[in-house]
Amino acid sequence: MNIVYMPGFNSSPISEKSKLLAAHFPDIAIADYNTWDPDISYAQLIQHIKPLLSGKLLLTGSSLGGFWAYHLASQYQLPCLLINPCMSPEISLQQYVGIVENFYTHETGFLTTQHLARYQQFRSRNRPSHITVLHEQGDELIPYQESVRNFVGKARLLLPGAGNHRFSRTDLLIESIRLMMQRL
């Protein structure tokens, strides 16, 4: 089974979580994509996953990467695992409108309200084949209650106490990915 991991807003394949996942899953494909412009994001992410669609594929994503993992999994009827997902980027990312800088590469760009409005077009009416959501209750950027509203009765929803937006329960993350891989 192939795994694609999509880092979050202003993150990259050299983030701590990306490195951790690569250490546990050496064949994981970690998407390197523009996190500021959703049109470019979508095109780049499609390029990452299309060559892998002929086999078994698990999409994973953290924060904004969770938005993309969910909607691409919905589009292609794939399983997904979401980590502290940002399911309403047009709201959650408003505070970042203006000049933005990637935390790891220090590349800069510009996030506009027009970019935020574009996220609507990427929402799918379908659902992924299987969904697991991990959302720590201590997430300081995206309240875990958003995952409760979005996923109760629709996904395997795990809400460990404490934690933060970076997702501190890496043992649970690794175990959840392994479990999904075994079941699919």
Protein backbone atom coordinates (compact mmCIF):
# COMPACT_ATOMS: atom_id res chain seq x y z
CA MET A 1 0.00 0.00 0.00
CA ASN A 2 1.21 3.49 -0.85
CA ILE A 3 0.89 6.38 1.57
CA VAL A 4 0.87 10.06 0.65
CA TYR A 5 1.29 12.61 3.44
CA MET A 6 0.22 16.23 2.90
CA PRO A 7 1.80 18.70 5.35
CA GLY A 8 -0.19 21.67 6.59
CA PHE A 9 -0.20 25.39 5.88
CA ASN A 10 3.31 26.89 5.71
CA SER A 11 4.83 23.46 6.35
CA SER A 12 6.90 21.20 4.14
CA PRO A 13 8.42 17.75 3.61
CA ILE A 14 11.25 18.72 5.98
CA SER A 15 8.94 19.31 8.96
CA GLU A 16 9.32 17.22 12.11
CA LYS A 17 6.13 15.28 11.37
CA SER A 18 7.24 14.58 7.79
CA LYS A 19 10.58 13.26 9.05
CA LEU A 20 8.87 11.14 11.70
CA LEU A 21 6.52 9.58 9.16
CA ALA A 22 9.39 8.93 6.72
CA ALA A 23 11.34 7.19 9.51
CA HIS A 24 8.42 4.84 10.25
CA PHE A 25 7.18 4.44 6.67
CA PRO A 26 10.24 4.67 4.37
CA ASP A 27 8.15 4.43 1.19
CA ILE A 28 5.79 7.29 2.13
CA ALA A 29 5.42 10.03 -0.48
CA ILE A 30 5.48 13.42 1.22
CA ALA A 31 3.81 16.04 -0.92
CA ASP A 32 5.73 19.23 -1.58
CA TYR A 33 3.08 21.74 -2.60
CA ASN A 34 2.15 25.41 -2.50
CA THR A 35 -0.01 25.86 0.60
CA TRP A 36 -1.06 29.44 -0.18
CA ASP A 37 -2.91 29.20 -3.50
CA PRO A 38 -5.55 26.45 -3.53
CA ASP A 39 -5.59 26.21 -7.33
CA ILE A 40 -1.86 25.51 -7.40
CA SER A 41 -2.16 23.23 -4.34
CA TYR A 42 -4.80 21.10 -6.00
CA ALA A 43 -2.85 20.76 -9.26
CA GLN A 44 0.36 19.82 -7.46
CA LEU A 45 -1.37 17.32 -5.16
CA ILE A 46 -3.14 15.65 -8.08
CA GLN A 47 0.30 15.21 -9.70
CA HIS A 48 1.48 13.46 -6.51
CA ILE A 49 -1.40 11.00 -6.24
CA LYS A 50 -2.43 10.24 -9.84
CA PRO A 51 0.50 7.88 -10.54
CA LEU A 52 -0.40 5.93 -7.38
CA LEU A 53 -4.12 5.47 -8.05
CA SER A 54 -3.72 2.07 -9.71
CA GLY A 55 -2.69 0.49 -6.40
CA LYS A 56 -3.90 0.71 -2.82
CA LEU A 57 -3.42 4.23 -1.55
CA LEU A 58 -3.88 5.91 1.83
CA LEU A 59 -4.00 9.71 1.94
CA THR A 60 -2.90 11.39 5.14
CA GLY A 61 -2.72 15.05 5.98
CA SER A 62 -2.18 17.40 8.86
CA SER A 63 -4.14 20.64 9.35
CA LEU A 64 -4.60 22.13 5.85
CA GLY A 65 -3.12 18.90 4.50
CA GLY A 66 -6.06 17.18 6.21
CA PHE A 67 -8.47 19.30 4.18
CA TRP A 68 -6.74 18.18 0.98
CA ALA A 69 -6.43 14.54 2.05
CA TYR A 70 -10.15 14.40 2.84
CA HIS A 71 -11.34 16.03 -0.36
CA LEU A 72 -8.97 14.13 -2.64
CA ALA A 73 -9.89 10.87 -0.89
CA SER A 74 -13.55 11.78 -1.47
CA GLN A 75 -12.92 12.49 -5.13
CA TYR A 76 -11.13 9.18 -5.73
CA GLN A 77 -12.95 7.05 -3.12
CA LEU A 78 -9.79 6.41 -1.11
CA PRO A 79 -9.20 5.98 2.62
CA CYS A 80 -7.74 8.89 4.57
CA LEU A 81 -6.26 9.66 7.95
CA LEU A 82 -6.57 13.25 9.12
CA ILE A 83 -4.41 14.84 11.83
CA ASN A 84 -5.85 17.92 13.56
CA PRO A 85 -7.62 18.72 10.28
CA CYS A 86 -8.42 22.24 9.10
CA MET A 87 -11.73 21.58 7.36
CA SER A 88 -12.69 25.27 6.95
CA PRO A 89 -9.50 26.93 5.66
CA GLU A 90 -11.48 29.92 4.39
CA ILE A 91 -12.15 30.70 8.07
CA SER A 92 -9.12 29.24 9.89
CA LEU A 93 -6.57 30.90 7.61
CA GLN A 94 -8.08 34.42 7.64
CA GLN A 95 -5.57 35.54 10.26
CA TYR A 96 -2.73 34.83 7.80
CA VAL A 97 -3.97 36.98 4.89
CA GLY A 98 -1.01 39.01 3.65
CA ILE A 99 2.64 38.08 3.33
CA VAL A 100 3.29 34.49 4.44
CA GLU A 101 6.51 32.57 5.03
CA ASN A 102 7.04 28.82 5.02
CA PHE A 103 8.28 27.78 8.48
CA TYR A 104 10.92 25.43 7.07
CA THR A 105 12.03 26.69 3.65
CA HIS A 106 11.54 30.41 4.45
CA GLU A 107 10.00 30.84 1.01
CA THR A 108 7.60 33.79 1.04
CA GLY A 109 4.35 34.39 -0.76
CA PHE A 110 1.06 36.18 -0.46
CA LEU A 111 -2.26 34.82 0.83
CA THR A 112 -5.35 36.74 -0.27
CA THR A 113 -9.03 36.63 0.61
CA GLN A 114 -9.58 35.49 -2.99
CA HIS A 115 -7.40 32.44 -2.27
CA LEU A 116 -9.51 31.66 0.79
CA ALA A 117 -12.75 31.95 -1.19
CA ARG A 118 -11.44 29.39 -3.72
CA TYR A 119 -11.45 26.52 -1.19
CA GLN A 120 -15.21 26.12 -1.69
CA GLN A 121 -14.72 24.77 -5.21
CA PHE A 122 -12.61 21.86 -3.96
CA ARG A 123 -15.20 20.46 -1.58
CA SER A 124 -16.63 17.14 -2.65
CA ARG A 125 -20.15 15.92 -1.94
CA ASN A 126 -18.81 12.37 -1.72
CA ARG A 127 -17.06 10.80 1.25
CA PRO A 128 -13.80 8.85 1.38
CA SER A 129 -14.04 5.06 1.59
CA HIS A 130 -12.68 5.01 5.19
CA ILE A 131 -11.85 7.93 7.48
CA THR A 132 -9.82 8.12 10.66
CA VAL A 133 -9.51 11.50 12.37
CA LEU A 134 -6.99 12.24 15.11
CA HIS A 135 -7.54 15.58 16.82
CA GLU A 136 -5.87 16.50 20.08
CA GLN A 137 -8.08 18.39 22.49
CA GLY A 138 -5.25 20.82 23.26
CA ASP A 139 -4.99 22.03 19.64
CA GLU A 140 -4.51 25.77 20.02
CA LEU A 141 -5.31 26.65 16.38
CA ILE A 142 -8.24 24.44 15.39
CA PRO A 143 -10.60 23.49 18.21
CA TYR A 144 -11.17 19.73 18.38
CA GLN A 145 -14.93 20.44 18.51
CA GLU A 146 -14.74 21.19 14.77
CA SER A 147 -13.74 17.58 14.17
CA VAL A 148 -16.56 16.44 16.45
CA ARG A 149 -19.06 18.49 14.38
CA ASN A 150 -17.61 17.33 11.06
CA PHE A 151 -16.96 13.66 11.75
CA VAL A 152 -19.12 12.15 14.52
CA GLY A 153 -20.92 9.17 12.99
CA LYS A 154 -18.88 9.50 9.76
CA ALA A 155 -15.37 8.52 10.82
CA ARG A 156 -13.26 6.74 13.39
CA LEU A 157 -12.71 9.78 15.61
CA LEU A 158 -9.94 9.77 18.21
CA LEU A 159 -9.70 12.82 20.50
CA PRO A 160 -6.75 12.39 22.87
CA GLY A 161 -6.63 14.90 25.72
CA ALA A 162 -4.09 17.72 25.94
CA GLY A 163 -1.64 17.94 23.04
CA ASN A 164 -1.27 20.78 20.54
CA HIS A 165 -1.66 21.65 16.86
CA ARG A 166 1.58 19.87 15.95
CA PHE A 167 0.02 16.64 17.34
CA SER A 168 2.15 15.35 20.19
CA ARG A 169 0.76 11.78 20.31
CA THR A 170 3.06 10.43 17.61
CA ASP A 171 2.65 6.88 18.96
CA LEU A 172 -1.08 7.09 18.25
CA LEU A 173 -0.43 8.54 14.80
CA ILE A 174 1.96 5.73 13.80
CA GLU A 175 -0.33 3.06 15.28
CA SER A 176 -3.38 4.50 13.46
CA ILE A 177 -1.61 4.51 10.08
CA ARG A 178 -0.45 0.90 10.60
CA LEU A 179 -3.97 -0.14 11.57
CA MET A 180 -5.49 1.48 8.47
CA MET A 181 -2.87 -0.18 6.27
CA GLN A 182 -3.71 -3.60 7.75
CA ARG A 183 -7.45 -3.15 7.27
CA LEU A 184 -7.30 -2.04 3.65
